[in-house]
Amino acid sequence: MTVAELLHEATTAPIEKRAITNLDTLNEAYAYGSAFSRGMRIEMGKFVILLISGTASIDEEGRTLYAGDLRAQTRRTFDNITALLASEGAAWKDIVRTTCYLRDIERDYKEFNEERTAFYKEQDLNPLPASTGIQAILCRPDLLIEIEAIAIFQREPREE
């Protein structure tokens, strides 16, 4: 199929969307009084886009894990995103962009970047996702990091 045909299919096919979750790893946000989906799956023809909401170091009950430990919070955040990706048949190789929010970027960026670099090496990512780091006040005072992600991949053909 040519690029023009792929683009035509992607722009003329109906757009399907639905919320994604992985309750073994993360609870739903409304369980603690917030109103957002953990992620959104958008299907456009053969292509799937996953928009992963800001994800942090929380457990399946919505409790913060590893308060005060940036490295552990970063790893748990990556694990939570990994679980959301897996629930949709995706992996880190499908991630094209991340936005990383740090409570104190001057204090924590070096440690965060070391953890991110090690994680990406473990995932054997090439190319690396595009990314932006931002200092932000996060939704809970005990969270040090939150990450959003976008994944794009081709879906498997459906068996008719």
C-alpha atoms as a PDB file:
ATOM      1  CA  MET A   1       0.000   0.000   0.000  1.00  0.00           C
ATOM      2  CA  THR A   2       1.366   3.429  -0.885  1.00  0.00           C
ATOM      3  CA  VAL A   3       1.739   6.286   1.576  1.00  0.00           C
ATOM      4  CA  ALA A   4      -1.075   8.141  -0.211  1.00  0.00           C
ATOM      5  CA  GLU A   5      -3.361   5.110   0.157  1.00  0.00           C
ATOM      6  CA  LEU A   6      -2.484   4.768   3.847  1.00  0.00           C
ATOM      7  CA  LEU A   7      -3.178   8.458   4.455  1.00  0.00           C
ATOM      8  CA  HIS A   8      -6.454   8.234   2.544  1.00  0.00           C
ATOM      9  CA  GLU A   9      -7.534   5.224   4.587  1.00  0.00           C
ATOM     10  CA  ALA A  10      -6.519   6.908   7.832  1.00  0.00           C
ATOM     11  CA  THR A  11      -8.477  10.061   6.993  1.00  0.00           C
ATOM     12  CA  THR A  12     -11.630   8.412   5.634  1.00  0.00           C
ATOM     13  CA  ALA A  13     -12.078   5.535   8.078  1.00  0.00           C
ATOM     14  CA  PRO A  14     -14.352   6.104  11.059  1.00  0.00           C
ATOM     15  CA  ILE A  15     -12.553   7.104  14.231  1.00  0.00           C
ATOM     16  CA  GLU A  16     -13.245   4.780  17.139  1.00  0.00           C
ATOM     17  CA  LYS A  17     -12.276   5.716  20.684  1.00  0.00           C
ATOM     18  CA  ARG A  18     -12.567   4.107  24.091  1.00  0.00           C
ATOM     19  CA  ALA A  19     -11.052   4.440  27.521  1.00  0.00           C
ATOM     20  CA  ILE A  20      -8.248   2.075  28.503  1.00  0.00           C
ATOM     21  CA  THR A  21      -7.253   0.778  31.900  1.00  0.00           C
ATOM     22  CA  ASN A  22      -5.429  -2.005  33.710  1.00  0.00           C
ATOM     23  CA  LEU A  23      -7.115  -2.579  37.064  1.00  0.00           C
ATOM     24  CA  ASP A  24      -4.462  -5.065  38.180  1.00  0.00           C
ATOM     25  CA  THR A  25      -2.018  -2.163  38.350  1.00  0.00           C
ATOM     26  CA  LEU A  26      -3.993   1.104  38.503  1.00  0.00           C
ATOM     27  CA  ASN A  27      -7.413   1.970  39.829  1.00  0.00           C
ATOM     28  CA  GLU A  28      -9.780   4.236  37.951  1.00  0.00           C
ATOM     29  CA  ALA A  29      -9.294   7.913  38.741  1.00  0.00           C
ATOM     30  CA  TYR A  30     -12.941   8.404  39.725  1.00  0.00           C
ATOM     31  CA  ALA A  31     -12.314   5.981  42.611  1.00  0.00           C
ATOM     32  CA  TYR A  32     -10.535   8.819  44.419  1.00  0.00           C
ATOM     33  CA  GLY A  33     -12.719  11.674  43.203  1.00  0.00           C
ATOM     34  CA  SER A  34     -11.070  12.638  39.921  1.00  0.00           C
ATOM     35  CA  ALA A  35     -12.669  12.628  36.490  1.00  0.00           C
ATOM     36  CA  PHE A  36     -10.390  11.324  33.717  1.00  0.00           C
ATOM     37  CA  SER A  37      -9.571   8.103  31.911  1.00  0.00           C
ATOM     38  CA  ARG A  38      -6.201   6.430  32.487  1.00  0.00           C
ATOM     39  CA  GLY A  39      -5.827   6.553  28.741  1.00  0.00           C
ATOM     40  CA  MET A  40      -7.704   6.724  25.481  1.00  0.00           C
ATOM     41  CA  ARG A  41      -7.451   4.312  22.549  1.00  0.00           C
ATOM     42  CA  ILE A  42      -8.167   5.895  19.186  1.00  0.00           C
ATOM     43  CA  GLU A  43      -8.444   3.691  16.099  1.00  0.00           C
ATOM     44  CA  MET A  44      -8.106   5.205  12.648  1.00  0.00           C
ATOM     45  CA  GLY A  45      -8.167   2.539   9.980  1.00  0.00           C
ATOM     46  CA  LYS A  46      -5.124   0.323  10.546  1.00  0.00           C
ATOM     47  CA  PHE A  47      -3.588   2.714  13.043  1.00  0.00           C
ATOM     48  CA  VAL A  48      -4.021   2.886  16.801  1.00  0.00           C
ATOM     49  CA  ILE A  49      -3.087   5.860  18.940  1.00  0.00           C
ATOM     50  CA  LEU A  50      -2.865   5.478  22.703  1.00  0.00           C
ATOM     51  CA  LEU A  51      -2.997   8.666  24.754  1.00  0.00           C
ATOM     52  CA  ILE A  52      -1.803   7.774  28.254  1.00  0.00           C
ATOM     53  CA  SER A  53      -2.919  10.284  30.868  1.00  0.00           C
ATOM     54  CA  GLY A  54      -0.520  11.659  33.432  1.00  0.00           C
ATOM     55  CA  THR A  55       0.566   8.549  35.318  1.00  0.00           C
ATOM     56  CA  ALA A  56       2.382   8.448  38.634  1.00  0.00           C
ATOM     57  CA  SER A  57       3.640   6.087  41.317  1.00  0.00           C
ATOM     58  CA  ILE A  58       0.321   4.738  42.552  1.00  0.00           C
ATOM     59  CA  ASP A  59      -0.993   1.248  43.186  1.00  0.00           C
ATOM     60  CA  GLU A  60      -4.190  -0.575  42.236  1.00  0.00           C
ATOM     61  CA  GLU A  61      -5.964   1.055  45.193  1.00  0.00           C
ATOM     62  CA  GLY A  62      -4.886   4.553  44.170  1.00  0.00           C
ATOM     63  CA  ARG A  63      -2.355   4.930  46.996  1.00  0.00           C
ATOM     64  CA  THR A  64       0.910   6.782  46.431  1.00  0.00           C
ATOM     65  CA  LEU A  65       3.924   4.469  46.494  1.00  0.00           C
ATOM     66  CA  TYR A  66       7.490   5.405  47.485  1.00  0.00           C
ATOM     67  CA  ALA A  67       6.828   8.871  48.904  1.00  0.00           C
ATOM     68  CA  GLY A  68      10.064  10.866  48.896  1.00  0.00           C
ATOM     69  CA  ASP A  69      11.975   8.397  46.653  1.00  0.00           C
ATOM     70  CA  LEU A  70      12.241   9.836  43.135  1.00  0.00           C
ATOM     71  CA  ARG A  71      14.000   6.806  41.641  1.00  0.00           C
ATOM     72  CA  ALA A  72      11.415   4.336  42.971  1.00  0.00           C
ATOM     73  CA  GLN A  73       8.537   6.615  41.932  1.00  0.00           C
ATOM     74  CA  THR A  74      10.007   6.902  38.436  1.00  0.00           C
ATOM     75  CA  ARG A  75      10.289   3.118  38.084  1.00  0.00           C
ATOM     76  CA  ARG A  76       6.741   2.552  39.365  1.00  0.00           C
ATOM     77  CA  THR A  77       5.475   5.206  36.949  1.00  0.00           C
ATOM     78  CA  PHE A  78       7.207   3.410  34.058  1.00  0.00           C
ATOM     79  CA  ASP A  79       5.737   0.105  35.292  1.00  0.00           C
ATOM     80  CA  ASN A  80       2.240   1.619  35.383  1.00  0.00           C
ATOM     81  CA  ILE A  81       2.603   2.942  31.838  1.00  0.00           C
ATOM     82  CA  THR A  82       3.961  -0.444  30.733  1.00  0.00           C
ATOM     83  CA  ALA A  83       0.849  -2.143  32.162  1.00  0.00           C
ATOM     84  CA  LEU A  84      -1.464   0.290  30.364  1.00  0.00           C
ATOM     85  CA  LEU A  85       0.386  -0.281  27.093  1.00  0.00           C
ATOM     86  CA  ALA A  86       0.268  -4.067  27.526  1.00  0.00           C
ATOM     87  CA  SER A  87      -3.480  -3.973  28.158  1.00  0.00           C
ATOM     88  CA  GLU A  88      -3.825  -2.619  24.607  1.00  0.00           C
ATOM     89  CA  GLY A  89      -1.283  -4.872  22.888  1.00  0.00           C
ATOM     90  CA  ALA A  90       1.418  -2.183  22.820  1.00  0.00           C
ATOM     91  CA  ALA A  91       4.876  -1.755  24.305  1.00  0.00           C
ATOM     92  CA  TRP A  92       7.423   0.982  24.894  1.00  0.00           C
ATOM     93  CA  LYS A  93       8.714   0.565  21.318  1.00  0.00           C
ATOM     94  CA  ASP A  94       5.372   2.085  20.246  1.00  0.00           C
ATOM     95  CA  ILE A  95       5.827   5.234  22.360  1.00  0.00           C
ATOM     96  CA  VAL A  96       6.551   8.279  20.215  1.00  0.00           C
ATOM     97  CA  ARG A  97       6.307  11.033  22.849  1.00  0.00           C
ATOM     98  CA  THR A  98       6.398  11.558  26.592  1.00  0.00           C
ATOM     99  CA  THR A  99       5.817  14.610  28.739  1.00  0.00           C
ATOM    100  CA  CYS A 100       7.526  14.328  32.120  1.00  0.00           C
ATOM    101  CA  TYR A 101       6.361  16.514  35.001  1.00  0.00           C
ATOM    102  CA  LEU A 102       8.760  16.877  37.931  1.00  0.00           C
ATOM    103  CA  ARG A 103       7.835  18.586  41.197  1.00  0.00           C
ATOM    104  CA  ASP A 104      11.363  20.030  41.494  1.00  0.00           C
ATOM    105  CA  ILE A 105      13.183  19.831  38.171  1.00  0.00           C
ATOM    106  CA  GLU A 106      16.377  21.485  39.416  1.00  0.00           C
ATOM    107  CA  ARG A 107      16.754  19.028  42.298  1.00  0.00           C
ATOM    108  CA  ASP A 108      15.453  15.874  40.587  1.00  0.00           C
ATOM    109  CA  TYR A 109      16.198  16.009  36.864  1.00  0.00           C
ATOM    110  CA  LYS A 110      19.615  14.339  37.041  1.00  0.00           C
ATOM    111  CA  GLU A 111      18.279  11.328  38.999  1.00  0.00           C
ATOM    112  CA  PHE A 112      15.159  11.161  36.813  1.00  0.00           C
ATOM    113  CA  ASN A 113      17.222  11.214  33.637  1.00  0.00           C
ATOM    114  CA  GLU A 114      19.494   8.443  34.952  1.00  0.00           C
ATOM    115  CA  GLU A 115      16.453   6.247  35.693  1.00  0.00           C
ATOM    116  CA  ARG A 116      14.806   7.057  32.354  1.00  0.00           C
ATOM    117  CA  THR A 117      18.021   6.325  30.445  1.00  0.00           C
ATOM    118  CA  ALA A 118      18.455   2.967  32.224  1.00  0.00           C
ATOM    119  CA  PHE A 119      14.803   2.046  31.622  1.00  0.00           C
ATOM    120  CA  TYR A 120      14.973   2.961  27.929  1.00  0.00           C
ATOM    121  CA  LYS A 121      18.154   0.865  27.569  1.00  0.00           C
ATOM    122  CA  GLU A 122      16.325  -2.079  29.185  1.00  0.00           C
ATOM    123  CA  GLN A 123      13.527  -1.591  26.647  1.00  0.00           C
ATOM    124  CA  ASP A 124      16.106  -1.416  23.812  1.00  0.00           C
ATOM    125  CA  LEU A 125      14.454   1.714  22.409  1.00  0.00           C
ATOM    126  CA  ASN A 126      15.796   3.069  19.143  1.00  0.00           C
ATOM    127  CA  PRO A 127      14.837   5.701  18.329  1.00  0.00           C
ATOM    128  CA  LEU A 128      14.092   7.214  21.699  1.00  0.00           C
ATOM    129  CA  PRO A 129      10.708   8.900  22.144  1.00  0.00           C
ATOM    130  CA  ALA A 130      10.447  12.654  21.774  1.00  0.00           C
ATOM    131  CA  SER A 131      10.126  14.141  25.261  1.00  0.00           C
ATOM    132  CA  THR A 132       9.659  17.298  27.272  1.00  0.00           C
ATOM    133  CA  GLY A 133      10.487  17.828  30.942  1.00  0.00           C
ATOM    134  CA  ILE A 134       8.423  20.347  32.880  1.00  0.00           C
ATOM    135  CA  GLN A 135       8.427  21.505  36.494  1.00  0.00           C
ATOM    136  CA  ALA A 136       4.886  21.348  37.857  1.00  0.00           C
ATOM    137  CA  ILE A 137       2.840  21.214  41.013  1.00  0.00           C
ATOM    138  CA  LEU A 138       1.415  17.693  40.895  1.00  0.00           C
ATOM    139  CA  CYS A 139      -2.010  16.575  42.091  1.00  0.00           C
ATOM    140  CA  ARG A 140      -0.654  15.163  45.381  1.00  0.00           C
ATOM    141  CA  PRO A 141       2.098  16.612  47.556  1.00  0.00           C
ATOM    142  CA  ASP A 142       3.798  13.202  47.933  1.00  0.00           C
ATOM    143  CA  LEU A 143       4.193  12.678  44.176  1.00  0.00           C
ATOM    144  CA  LEU A 144       7.525  13.737  42.705  1.00  0.00           C
ATOM    145  CA  ILE A 145       6.905  12.730  39.082  1.00  0.00           C
ATOM    146  CA  GLU A 146       4.090  12.203  36.598  1.00  0.00           C
ATOM    147  CA  ILE A 147       4.434  11.115  32.966  1.00  0.00           C
ATOM    148  CA  GLU A 148       2.095  11.325  29.963  1.00  0.00           C
ATOM    149  CA  ALA A 149       2.765   9.206  26.884  1.00  0.00           C
ATOM    150  CA  ILE A 150       1.595   8.799  23.305  1.00  0.00           C
ATOM    151  CA  ALA A 151       1.943   5.503  21.443  1.00  0.00           C
ATOM    152  CA  ILE A 152       1.180   4.819  17.787  1.00  0.00           C
ATOM    153  CA  PHE A 153       1.118   1.398  16.161  1.00  0.00           C
ATOM    154  CA  GLN A 154      -0.629  -0.667  13.506  1.00  0.00           C
ATOM    155  CA  ARG A 155      -3.325  -2.901  14.822  1.00  0.00           C
ATOM    156  CA  GLU A 156      -3.506  -6.548  13.981  1.00  0.00           C
ATOM    157  CA  PRO A 157      -6.010  -7.379  11.257  1.00  0.00           C
ATOM    158  CA  ARG A 158      -9.278  -8.642  12.660  1.00  0.00           C
ATOM    159  CA  GLU A 159     -10.251 -12.169  11.807  1.00  0.00           C
ATOM    160  CA  GLU A 160     -13.537 -12.075   9.944  1.00  0.00           C
END
